[in-house]
C-alpha atoms as a PDB file:
ATOM      1  CA  MET A   1      48.683  86.790 101.140  1.00  0.00           C
ATOM      2  CA  LEU A   2      47.654  86.572  97.200  1.00  0.00           C
ATOM      3  CA  GLN A   3      47.392  90.159  97.280  1.00  0.00           C
ATOM      4  CA  ALA A   4      51.656  90.322  98.187  1.00  0.00           C
ATOM      5  CA  ILE A   5      52.350  88.038  95.713  1.00  0.00           C
ATOM      6  CA  ILE A   6      50.733  89.602  92.960  1.00  0.00           C
ATOM      7  CA  GLY A   7      52.090  93.263  94.147  1.00  0.00           C
ATOM      8  CA  ALA A   8      55.565  91.523  94.571  1.00  0.00           C
ATOM      9  CA  LEU A   9      55.491  89.832  91.150  1.00  0.00           C
ATOM     10  CA  CYS A  10      54.098  93.670  89.751  1.00  0.00           C
ATOM     11  CA  GLY A  11      57.031  95.135  91.359  1.00  0.00           C
ATOM     12  CA  VAL A  12      59.834  92.605  90.010  1.00  0.00           C
ATOM     13  CA  GLY A  13      58.164  92.705  86.203  1.00  0.00           C
ATOM     14  CA  LEU A  14      57.396  97.091  86.506  1.00  0.00           C
ATOM     15  CA  PHE A  15      61.315  96.805  87.792  1.00  0.00           C
ATOM     16  CA  PHE A  16      62.745  94.596  84.447  1.00  0.00           C
ATOM     17  CA  VAL A  17      60.491  97.009  82.378  1.00  0.00           C
ATOM     18  CA  LEU A  18      62.583 100.110  83.501  1.00  0.00           C
ATOM     19  CA  ALA A  19      65.437  98.361  83.484  1.00  0.00           C
ATOM     20  CA  ASP A  20      64.735  97.933  79.831  1.00  0.00           C
ATOM     21  CA  VAL A  21      63.353 101.518  79.254  1.00  0.00           C
ATOM     22  CA  TYR A  22      66.923 103.009  81.033  1.00  0.00           C
ATOM     23  CA  ARG A  23      69.364 100.724  79.465  1.00  0.00           C
ATOM     24  CA  ILE A  24      70.589  99.597  82.684  1.00  0.00           C
ATOM     25  CA  PRO A  25      73.323  97.307  82.305  1.00  0.00           C
ATOM     26  CA  TYR A  26      73.635  93.466  83.989  1.00  0.00           C
ATOM     27  CA  LEU A  27      75.374  93.309  87.286  1.00  0.00           C
ATOM     28  CA  LYS A  28      77.837  90.813  85.553  1.00  0.00           C
ATOM     29  CA  THR A  29      78.967  93.992  82.934  1.00  0.00           C
ATOM     30  CA  SER A  30      78.800  96.163  85.589  1.00  0.00           C
ATOM     31  CA  LYS A  31      81.182  94.229  87.705  1.00  0.00           C
ATOM     32  CA  ALA A  32      83.651  94.024  85.134  1.00  0.00           C
ATOM     33  CA  VAL A  33      83.276  97.588  83.879  1.00  0.00           C
ATOM     34  CA  GLU A  34      83.997  98.224  88.038  1.00  0.00           C
ATOM     35  CA  SER A  35      86.589  95.727  88.237  1.00  0.00           C
ATOM     36  CA  LEU A  36      88.810  97.130  85.336  1.00  0.00           C
ATOM     37  CA  SER A  37      88.541 100.564  86.562  1.00  0.00           C
ATOM     38  CA  LYS A  38      89.868  99.408  89.450  1.00  0.00           C
ATOM     39  CA  LYS A  39      92.910  97.895  87.839  1.00  0.00           C
ATOM     40  CA  GLN A  40      92.940  94.810  90.428  1.00  0.00           C
ATOM     41  CA  LYS A  41      91.296  91.233  89.630  1.00  0.00           C
ATOM     42  CA  VAL A  42      89.921  90.889  93.299  1.00  0.00           C
ATOM     43  CA  LYS A  43      85.974  90.631  92.495  1.00  0.00           C
ATOM     44  CA  THR A  44      83.624  93.623  93.153  1.00  0.00           C
ATOM     45  CA  SER A  45      80.801  92.121  95.318  1.00  0.00           C
ATOM     46  CA  THR A  46      76.906  92.789  94.004  1.00  0.00           C
ATOM     47  CA  LEU A  47      76.263  94.695  97.094  1.00  0.00           C
ATOM     48  CA  ASN A  48      78.665  97.137  96.046  1.00  0.00           C
ATOM     49  CA  VAL A  49      77.846  97.068  92.462  1.00  0.00           C
ATOM     50  CA  TRP A  50      74.301  98.049  93.503  1.00  0.00           C
ATOM     51  CA  LEU A  51      75.366 100.861  96.033  1.00  0.00           C
ATOM     52  CA  GLY A  52      77.723 102.380  93.457  1.00  0.00           C
ATOM     53  CA  ASN A  53      74.827 102.951  90.982  1.00  0.00           C
ATOM     54  CA  LEU A  54      72.833 104.437  93.273  1.00  0.00           C
ATOM     55  CA  ALA A  55      75.290 106.353  93.952  1.00  0.00           C
ATOM     56  CA  ASP A  56      76.200 107.400  90.746  1.00  0.00           C
ATOM     57  CA  PHE A  57      72.464 108.451  90.036  1.00  0.00           C
ATOM     58  CA  LEU A  58      72.285 110.599  93.158  1.00  0.00           C
ATOM     59  CA  ALA A  59      75.675 112.237  91.958  1.00  0.00           C
ATOM     60  CA  LYS A  60      74.252 113.055  89.169  1.00  0.00           C
ATOM     61  CA  HIS A  61      71.560 115.385  90.809  1.00  0.00           C
ATOM     62  CA  MET A  62      73.855 116.180  93.729  1.00  0.00           C
ATOM     63  CA  LYS A  63      74.939 120.122  94.082  1.00  0.00           C
ATOM     64  CA  LEU A  64      77.455 121.298  96.309  1.00  0.00           C
ATOM     65  CA  ASN A  65      78.405 124.629  97.591  1.00  0.00           C
ATOM     66  CA  GLU A  66      81.519 126.019  95.041  1.00  0.00           C
ATOM     67  CA  PHE A  67      84.059 126.645  98.467  1.00  0.00           C
ATOM     68  CA  LYS A  68      82.853 122.920 100.306  1.00  0.00           C
ATOM     69  CA  LYS A  69      83.179 121.083  96.703  1.00  0.00           C
ATOM     70  CA  ALA A  70      86.925 123.070  95.807  1.00  0.00           C
ATOM     71  CA  GLN A  71      87.781 121.954  99.550  1.00  0.00           C
ATOM     72  CA  LEU A  72      86.746 118.549  99.559  1.00  0.00           C
ATOM     73  CA  GLU A  73      88.306 117.789  96.169  1.00  0.00           C
ATOM     74  CA  ALA A  74      91.410 119.102  97.290  1.00  0.00           C
ATOM     75  CA  ASP A  75      91.001 116.807 100.524  1.00  0.00           C
ATOM     76  CA  LEU A  76      90.016 113.299  98.007  1.00  0.00           C
ATOM     77  CA  LYS A  77      93.291 114.430  95.763  1.00  0.00           C
ATOM     78  CA  THR A  78      95.679 114.341  98.761  1.00  0.00           C
ATOM     79  CA  ALA A  79      94.200 110.961 100.032  1.00  0.00           C
ATOM     80  CA  GLN A  80      94.717 109.398  96.949  1.00  0.00           C
ATOM     81  CA  MET A  81      90.835 108.869  96.489  1.00  0.00           C
ATOM     82  CA  ASP A  82      90.059 109.686  92.902  1.00  0.00           C
ATOM     83  CA  ILE A  83      86.557 109.950  92.543  1.00  0.00           C
ATOM     84  CA  THR A  84      84.811 113.134  92.765  1.00  0.00           C
ATOM     85  CA  PRO A  85      83.177 115.465  95.573  1.00  0.00           C
ATOM     86  CA  GLU A  86      79.613 114.389  94.571  1.00  0.00           C
ATOM     87  CA  LYS A  87      80.848 110.734  94.506  1.00  0.00           C
ATOM     88  CA  PHE A  88      81.761 110.734  98.041  1.00  0.00           C
ATOM     89  CA  LYS A  89      79.085 112.229  99.479  1.00  0.00           C
ATOM     90  CA  ALA A  90      76.697 110.281  97.868  1.00  0.00           C
ATOM     91  CA  ASN A  91      78.563 107.161  98.989  1.00  0.00           C
ATOM     92  CA  ALA A  92      78.487 108.356 102.205  1.00  0.00           C
ATOM     93  CA  ILE A  93      74.613 109.039 101.997  1.00  0.00           C
ATOM     94  CA  VAL A  94      73.741 105.893 100.390  1.00  0.00           C
ATOM     95  CA  LYS A  95      75.566 103.513 103.075  1.00  0.00           C
ATOM     96  CA  ALA A  96      73.528 105.645 105.631  1.00  0.00           C
ATOM     97  CA  LEU A  97      70.411 104.833 103.722  1.00  0.00           C
ATOM     98  CA  LEU A  98      71.379 100.911 103.522  1.00  0.00           C
ATOM     99  CA  ILE A  99      70.991 101.130 107.449  1.00  0.00           C
ATOM    100  CA  GLY A 100      68.585 103.682 107.815  1.00  0.00           C
ATOM    101  CA  ILE A 101      66.158 101.268 105.543  1.00  0.00           C
ATOM    102  CA  PHE A 102      66.257  99.132 108.418  1.00  0.00           C
ATOM    103  CA  ALA A 103      64.369 101.436 110.744  1.00  0.00           C
ATOM    104  CA  ILE A 104      61.029 100.557 108.925  1.00  0.00           C
ATOM    105  CA  PRO A 105      60.416  97.297 109.571  1.00  0.00           C
ATOM    106  CA  MET A 106      61.984  97.949 112.903  1.00  0.00           C
ATOM    107  CA  ALA A 107      59.321 100.456 113.451  1.00  0.00           C
ATOM    108  CA  PHE A 108      56.411  97.494 113.360  1.00  0.00           C
ATOM    109  CA  ILE A 109      58.473  94.496 114.811  1.00  0.00           C
ATOM    110  CA  PHE A 110      60.215  96.529 118.073  1.00  0.00           C
ATOM    111  CA  PRO A 111      59.894  99.996 117.491  1.00  0.00           C
ATOM    112  CA  ILE A 112      61.894 101.112 120.752  1.00  0.00           C
ATOM    113  CA  LEU A 113      64.647  99.745 118.042  1.00  0.00           C
ATOM    114  CA  SER A 114      63.923 102.648 115.557  1.00  0.00           C
ATOM    115  CA  PRO A 115      65.481 105.125 116.863  1.00  0.00           C
ATOM    116  CA  VAL A 116      68.998 103.348 117.608  1.00  0.00           C
ATOM    117  CA  VAL A 117      69.001 102.131 113.933  1.00  0.00           C
ATOM    118  CA  LEU A 118      68.362 106.095 112.536  1.00  0.00           C
ATOM    119  CA  PHE A 119      71.408 107.107 115.187  1.00  0.00           C
ATOM    120  CA  LEU A 120      73.561 104.303 113.356  1.00  0.00           C
ATOM    121  CA  ALA A 121      72.542 105.421 110.107  1.00  0.00           C
ATOM    122  CA  VAL A 122      73.383 109.317 111.168  1.00  0.00           C
ATOM    123  CA  PHE A 123      76.647 107.800 112.806  1.00  0.00           C
ATOM    124  CA  LEU A 124      77.910 105.703 109.633  1.00  0.00           C
ATOM    125  CA  TYR A 125      77.018 108.813 107.803  1.00  0.00           C
ATOM    126  CA  ARG A 126      79.362 110.830 109.670  1.00  0.00           C
ATOM    127  CA  ARG A 127      82.151 108.684 109.757  1.00  0.00           C
ATOM    128  CA  GLU A 128      81.870 108.173 106.228  1.00  0.00           C
ATOM    129  CA  LEU A 129      82.495 112.230 105.316  1.00  0.00           C
ATOM    130  CA  LYS A 130      85.514 112.240 108.378  1.00  0.00           C
ATOM    131  CA  SER A 131      86.925 109.267 106.343  1.00  0.00           C
ATOM    132  CA  VAL A 132      88.971 111.953 104.392  1.00  0.00           C
ATOM    133  CA  SER A 133      90.120 113.402 107.189  1.00  0.00           C
ATOM    134  CA  VAL A 134      91.153 110.164 108.437  1.00  0.00           C
ATOM    135  CA  ARG A 135      93.085 109.099 105.566  1.00  0.00           C
ATOM    136  CA  ILE A 136      94.762 112.457 105.581  1.00  0.00           C
ATOM    137  CA  ARG A 137      95.982 112.653 108.774  1.00  0.00           C
ATOM    138  CA  HIS A 138      97.226 108.522 108.513  1.00  0.00           C
ATOM    139  CA  LYS A 139      98.948 109.497 105.632  1.00  0.00           C
ATOM    140  CA  ARG A 140     100.609 112.334 107.213  1.00  0.00           C
ATOM    141  CA  GLU A 141     101.710 110.212 110.050  1.00  0.00           C
ATOM    142  CA  LYS A 142     103.445 107.340 107.986  1.00  0.00           C
ATOM    143  CA  ILE A 143     105.607 110.436 106.266  1.00  0.00           C
ATOM    144  CA  GLU A 144     106.655 112.009 108.918  1.00  0.00           C
ATOM    145  CA  SER A 145     107.259 108.193 110.558  1.00  0.00           C
ATOM    146  CA  GLU A 146     109.993 108.750 107.117  1.00  0.00           C
ATOM    147  CA  LEU A 147     111.022 112.383 107.381  1.00  0.00           C
ATOM    148  CA  PRO A 148     113.665 111.567 110.443  1.00  0.00           C
ATOM    149  CA  ARG A 149     115.765 109.179 107.701  1.00  0.00           C
ATOM    150  CA  LEU A 150     115.195 111.640 104.635  1.00  0.00           C
ATOM    151  CA  VAL A 151     116.782 114.361 106.311  1.00  0.00           C
ATOM    152  CA  PHE A 152     119.783 112.054 106.939  1.00  0.00           C
ATOM    153  CA  THR A 153     120.260 110.847 103.754  1.00  0.00           C
ATOM    154  CA  ILE A 154     120.050 114.334 102.716  1.00  0.00           C
ATOM    155  CA  ASP A 155     122.782 115.555 105.548  1.00  0.00           C
ATOM    156  CA  LYS A 156     125.188 112.488 104.410  1.00  0.00           C
ATOM    157  CA  THR A 157     125.083 113.618 100.677  1.00  0.00           C
ATOM    158  CA  LEU A 158     125.310 117.613 101.032  1.00  0.00           C
ATOM    159  CA  LYS A 159     129.258 116.297 101.622  1.00  0.00           C
ATOM    160  CA  HIS A 160     129.483 115.505  98.177  1.00  0.00           C
ATOM    161  CA  SER A 161     126.549 116.620  96.439  1.00  0.00           C
ATOM    162  CA  ARG A 162     123.907 119.414  96.460  1.00  0.00           C
ATOM    163  CA  ASP A 163     121.622 118.367  93.541  1.00  0.00           C
ATOM    164  CA  VAL A 164     118.739 117.998  95.558  1.00  0.00           C
ATOM    165  CA  LEU A 165     116.697 116.656  92.666  1.00  0.00           C
ATOM    166  CA  TYR A 166     119.141 113.749  92.685  1.00  0.00           C
ATOM    167  CA  MET A 167     118.478 113.263  96.534  1.00  0.00           C
ATOM    168  CA  LEU A 168     114.714 113.272  96.228  1.00  0.00           C
ATOM    169  CA  GLU A 169     115.088 110.744  93.104  1.00  0.00           C
ATOM    170  CA  SER A 170     117.400 108.770  94.886  1.00  0.00           C
ATOM    171  CA  TYR A 171     115.437 108.607  98.152  1.00  0.00           C
ATOM    172  CA  ALA A 172     112.320 107.545  96.501  1.00  0.00           C
ATOM    173  CA  LYS A 173     113.058 104.252  95.154  1.00  0.00           C
ATOM    174  CA  ASN A 174     113.371 102.928  99.109  1.00  0.00           C
ATOM    175  CA  ALA A 175     110.597 105.132 100.456  1.00  0.00           C
ATOM    176  CA  GLY A 176     107.560 103.768 101.879  1.00  0.00           C
ATOM    177  CA  ARG A 177     104.009 104.249  99.575  1.00  0.00           C
ATOM    178  CA  GLU A 178     102.826 107.328 101.192  1.00  0.00           C
ATOM    179  CA  MET A 179     106.737 109.345 101.188  1.00  0.00           C
ATOM    180  CA  LYS A 180     107.332 107.771  97.207  1.00  0.00           C
ATOM    181  CA  HIS A 181     104.165 108.738  95.888  1.00  0.00           C
ATOM    182  CA  GLU A 182     104.678 112.471  96.946  1.00  0.00           C
ATOM    183  CA  LEU A 183     108.405 112.490  95.992  1.00  0.00           C
ATOM    184  CA  ASP A 184     107.550 110.932  92.433  1.00  0.00           C
ATOM    185  CA  ILE A 185     104.915 113.848  91.979  1.00  0.00           C
ATOM    186  CA  THR A 186     107.933 116.552  93.158  1.00  0.00           C
ATOM    187  CA  VAL A 187     110.362 114.771  91.041  1.00  0.00           C
ATOM    188  CA  ALA A 188     108.391 114.764  87.999  1.00  0.00           C
ATOM    189  CA  ASP A 189     107.332 118.945  88.991  1.00  0.00           C
ATOM    190  CA  MET A 190     111.058 119.607  88.903  1.00  0.00           C
ATOM    191  CA  LYS A 191     111.874 117.818  85.693  1.00  0.00           C
ATOM    192  CA  SER A 192     108.659 119.918  84.071  1.00  0.00           C
ATOM    193  CA  GLY A 193     109.446 123.257  85.892  1.00  0.00           C
ATOM    194  CA  ASN A 194     110.433 125.395  88.556  1.00  0.00           C
ATOM    195  CA  TYR A 195     112.299 123.480  92.017  1.00  0.00           C
ATOM    196  CA  GLU A 196     111.542 126.197  94.370  1.00  0.00           C
ATOM    197  CA  ALA A 197     107.999 126.355  92.801  1.00  0.00           C
ATOM    198  CA  ALA A 198     107.498 122.073  92.731  1.00  0.00           C
ATOM    199  CA  ILE A 199     108.714 121.844  96.715  1.00  0.00           C
ATOM    200  CA  THR A 200     106.275 124.837  97.810  1.00  0.00           C
ATOM    201  CA  ARG A 201     103.739 122.481  96.494  1.00  0.00           C
ATOM    202  CA  LEU A 202     104.926 119.410  97.983  1.00  0.00           C
ATOM    203  CA  GLU A 203     104.976 121.526 101.444  1.00  0.00           C
ATOM    204  CA  ALA A 204     101.441 122.397 100.659  1.00  0.00           C
ATOM    205  CA  ARG A 205      99.966 119.042  99.911  1.00  0.00           C
ATOM    206  CA  VAL A 206     101.500 117.198 102.650  1.00  0.00           C
ATOM    207  CA  GLY A 207     100.402 119.935 105.239  1.00  0.00           C
ATOM    208  CA  SER A 208     103.253 118.890 107.768  1.00  0.00           C
ATOM    209  CA  ALA A 209     105.294 121.065 110.230  1.00  0.00           C
ATOM    210  CA  MET A 210     107.873 118.350 109.743  1.00  0.00           C
ATOM    211  CA  MET A 211     107.627 119.006 105.883  1.00  0.00           C
ATOM    212  CA  SER A 212     107.484 122.504 106.349  1.00  0.00           C
ATOM    213  CA  ASP A 213     111.400 122.741 107.697  1.00  0.00           C
ATOM    214  CA  VAL A 214     112.910 120.077 105.503  1.00  0.00           C
ATOM    215  CA  CYS A 215     111.219 121.999 102.312  1.00  0.00           C
ATOM    216  CA  ARG A 216     112.799 125.252 103.741  1.00  0.00           C
ATOM    217  CA  GLY A 217     116.099 123.501 104.030  1.00  0.00           C
ATOM    218  CA  LEU A 218     115.655 122.159 100.638  1.00  0.00           C
ATOM    219  CA  ILE A 219     114.852 125.333  98.962  1.00  0.00           C
ATOM    220  CA  GLY A 220     118.150 126.815 101.088  1.00  0.00           C
ATOM    221  CA  ILE A 221     120.421 124.555  98.820  1.00  0.00           C
ATOM    222  CA  LEU A 222     118.649 125.391  96.019  1.00  0.00           C
ATOM    223  CA  ARG A 223     119.296 128.983  96.494  1.00  0.00           C
ATOM    224  CA  GLY A 224     123.143 128.141  97.364  1.00  0.00           C
ATOM    225  CA  ASP A 225     122.919 128.940 100.973  1.00  0.00           C
ATOM    226  CA  ASP A 226     125.137 127.082 103.377  1.00  0.00           C
ATOM    227  CA  THR A 227     122.846 124.972 105.189  1.00  0.00           C
ATOM    228  CA  GLU A 228     125.152 121.862 106.891  1.00  0.00           C
ATOM    229  CA  MET A 229     124.227 123.082 110.244  1.00  0.00           C
ATOM    230  CA  TYR A 230     120.823 123.311 109.852  1.00  0.00           C
ATOM    231  CA  TRP A 231     120.072 119.573 108.550  1.00  0.00           C
ATOM    232  CA  ALA A 232     122.896 118.449 111.717  1.00  0.00           C
ATOM    233  CA  SER A 233     120.354 120.360 114.178  1.00  0.00           C
ATOM    234  CA  LEU A 234     117.502 119.049 111.631  1.00  0.00           C
ATOM    235  CA  SER A 235     118.198 115.328 112.117  1.00  0.00           C
ATOM    236  CA  LEU A 236     118.653 115.728 116.142  1.00  0.00           C
ATOM    237  CA  LYS A 237     114.957 117.555 115.849  1.00  0.00           C
ATOM    238  CA  PHE A 238     113.118 114.466 114.366  1.00  0.00           C
ATOM    239  CA  ASN A 239     115.379 112.455 116.208  1.00  0.00           C
ATOM    240  CA  ASP A 240     114.026 113.300 119.409  1.00  0.00           C
ATOM    241  CA  ILE A 241     110.353 113.928 118.159  1.00  0.00           C
ATOM    242  CA  GLN A 242     110.505 110.606 116.797  1.00  0.00           C
ATOM    243  CA  ARG A 243     111.492 108.974 120.105  1.00  0.00           C
ATOM    244  CA  GLN A 244     109.325 110.857 121.815  1.00  0.00           C
ATOM    245  CA  GLN A 245     105.871 109.054 119.564  1.00  0.00           C
ATOM    246  CA  LEU A 246     107.995 105.932 120.325  1.00  0.00           C
ATOM    247  CA  ARG A 247     107.482 106.385 123.879  1.00  0.00           C
ATOM    248  CA  LEU A 248     103.744 107.105 123.614  1.00  0.00           C
ATOM    249  CA  GLN A 249     103.123 103.900 121.714  1.00  0.00           C
ATOM    250  CA  ALA A 250     105.548 101.881 124.141  1.00  0.00           C
ATOM    251  CA  GLN A 251     103.269 103.791 126.965  1.00  0.00           C
ATOM    252  CA  LYS A 252     100.178 102.326 125.750  1.00  0.00           C
ATOM    253  CA  VAL A 253     101.333  98.811 125.085  1.00  0.00           C
ATOM    254  CA  PRO A 254     100.298  97.963 128.501  1.00  0.00           C
ATOM    255  CA  ARG A 255      96.834  99.137 128.783  1.00  0.00           C
ATOM    256  CA  LYS A 256      96.379  97.350 126.152  1.00  0.00           C
ATOM    257  CA  VAL A 257      97.857  94.418 127.779  1.00  0.00           C
ATOM    258  CA  LYS A 258      95.698  95.128 131.309  1.00  0.00           C
ATOM    259  CA  ARG A 259      92.597  94.962 129.057  1.00  0.00           C
ATOM    260  CA  LEU A 260      93.108  91.707 126.956  1.00  0.00           C
ATOM    261  CA  SER A 261      94.757  89.652 130.540  1.00  0.00           C
ATOM    262  CA  MET A 262      91.078  91.202 132.169  1.00  0.00           C
ATOM    263  CA  CYS A 263      89.474  89.824 129.197  1.00  0.00           C
ATOM    264  CA  LEU A 264      91.387  86.262 129.496  1.00  0.00           C
ATOM    265  CA  LEU A 265      90.566  86.197 132.970  1.00  0.00           C
ATOM    266  CA  ILE A 266      86.939  86.451 132.663  1.00  0.00           C
ATOM    267  CA  CYS A 267      86.965  83.564 129.776  1.00  0.00           C
ATOM    268  CA  PHE A 268      88.657  81.263 132.604  1.00  0.00           C
ATOM    269  CA  MET A 269      86.133  81.805 135.188  1.00  0.00           C
ATOM    270  CA  LEU A 270      83.591  81.598 132.948  1.00  0.00           C
ATOM    271  CA  VAL A 271      84.984  78.130 132.021  1.00  0.00           C
ATOM    272  CA  TYR A 272      84.685  77.494 135.416  1.00  0.00           C
ATOM    273  CA  VAL A 273      81.991  78.730 136.375  1.00  0.00           C
ATOM    274  CA  VAL A 274      79.907  76.866 133.535  1.00  0.00           C
ATOM    275  CA  VAL A 275      81.396  73.689 134.615  1.00  0.00           C
ATOM    276  CA  ILE A 276      80.246  74.410 138.211  1.00  0.00           C
ATOM    277  CA  LEU A 277      76.675  75.056 136.876  1.00  0.00           C
ATOM    278  CA  SER A 278      76.726  71.818 134.813  1.00  0.00           C
ATOM    279  CA  GLN A 279      77.443  69.472 137.737  1.00  0.00           C
ATOM    280  CA  ILE A 280      75.493  70.995 140.057  1.00  0.00           C
ATOM    281  CA  MET A 281      72.561  70.578 137.517  1.00  0.00           C
ATOM    282  CA  ASP A 282      73.232  67.113 137.510  1.00  0.00           C
ATOM    283  CA  SER A 283      73.467  66.416 140.640  1.00  0.00           C
ATOM    284  CA  ILE A 284      70.126  68.122 141.236  1.00  0.00           C
ATOM    285  CA  GLY A 285      68.561  65.708 138.679  1.00  0.00           C
ATOM    286  CA  VAL A 286      70.008  62.694 140.512  1.00  0.00           C
ATOM    287  CA  LEU A 287      68.762  63.548 143.894  1.00  0.00           C
ATOM    288  CA  PHE A 288      64.880  64.318 142.250  1.00  0.00           C
ATOM    289  CA  GLY A 289      64.963  61.982 139.589  1.00  0.00           C
END
């Protein structure tokens, strides 16, 4: 027992000595910098600060393949995640280690649960790596849900104006967060450069077949083509797609309701079972008391 206490005190002392040698900032300083960097009023938790510092340390010593790094950097930019590819990989490793480290005490207490903890750590690591693609998919879905309204607006605006910059700029004022972000980038890009190139980059950033149809029509307007029939047919097409998506979402609702109803039924049954068992136990106590 005494040796354990001495070892713990020596470890704490060594930590403070190393922290002073390597000029590790105080916890309050790290939390203040983290909050300012994110431009938010929400206080950063102590655990997130420690994990962030460890991830920064790993990121400095991590080397990635140039092709995978460029691909991951493009995905992070599309997902609006303002971190480097090394920091993203380091975050995934640190979060997995936070779970995997519990496999060591489990090996001594419950050895059979140690592989389960390791499996959870690997699962968490793979899930963190896929979080970028998940965010990109959700962003694309939200943008696609707004495209029918954008196409309808362009179709009506074409009757009195062919100014593509005006169309996108005016629609961005009432667009959703994801669509507004992409349109703001495109509008700024159009004001500072070539219109067609800016719209082509919009198509590449979103990576959606529906957005490709919209960008093709916008480029047609810029080239002076007669696109009134194109936008009318595209509006009908997008409305059909939107109805199909709403129908699929409506079909999923009854399944969720059935599951919730079954859970509610089980809860009611458990209440009655507990009451009946308690009454039986009281009766048995009276009979043999």
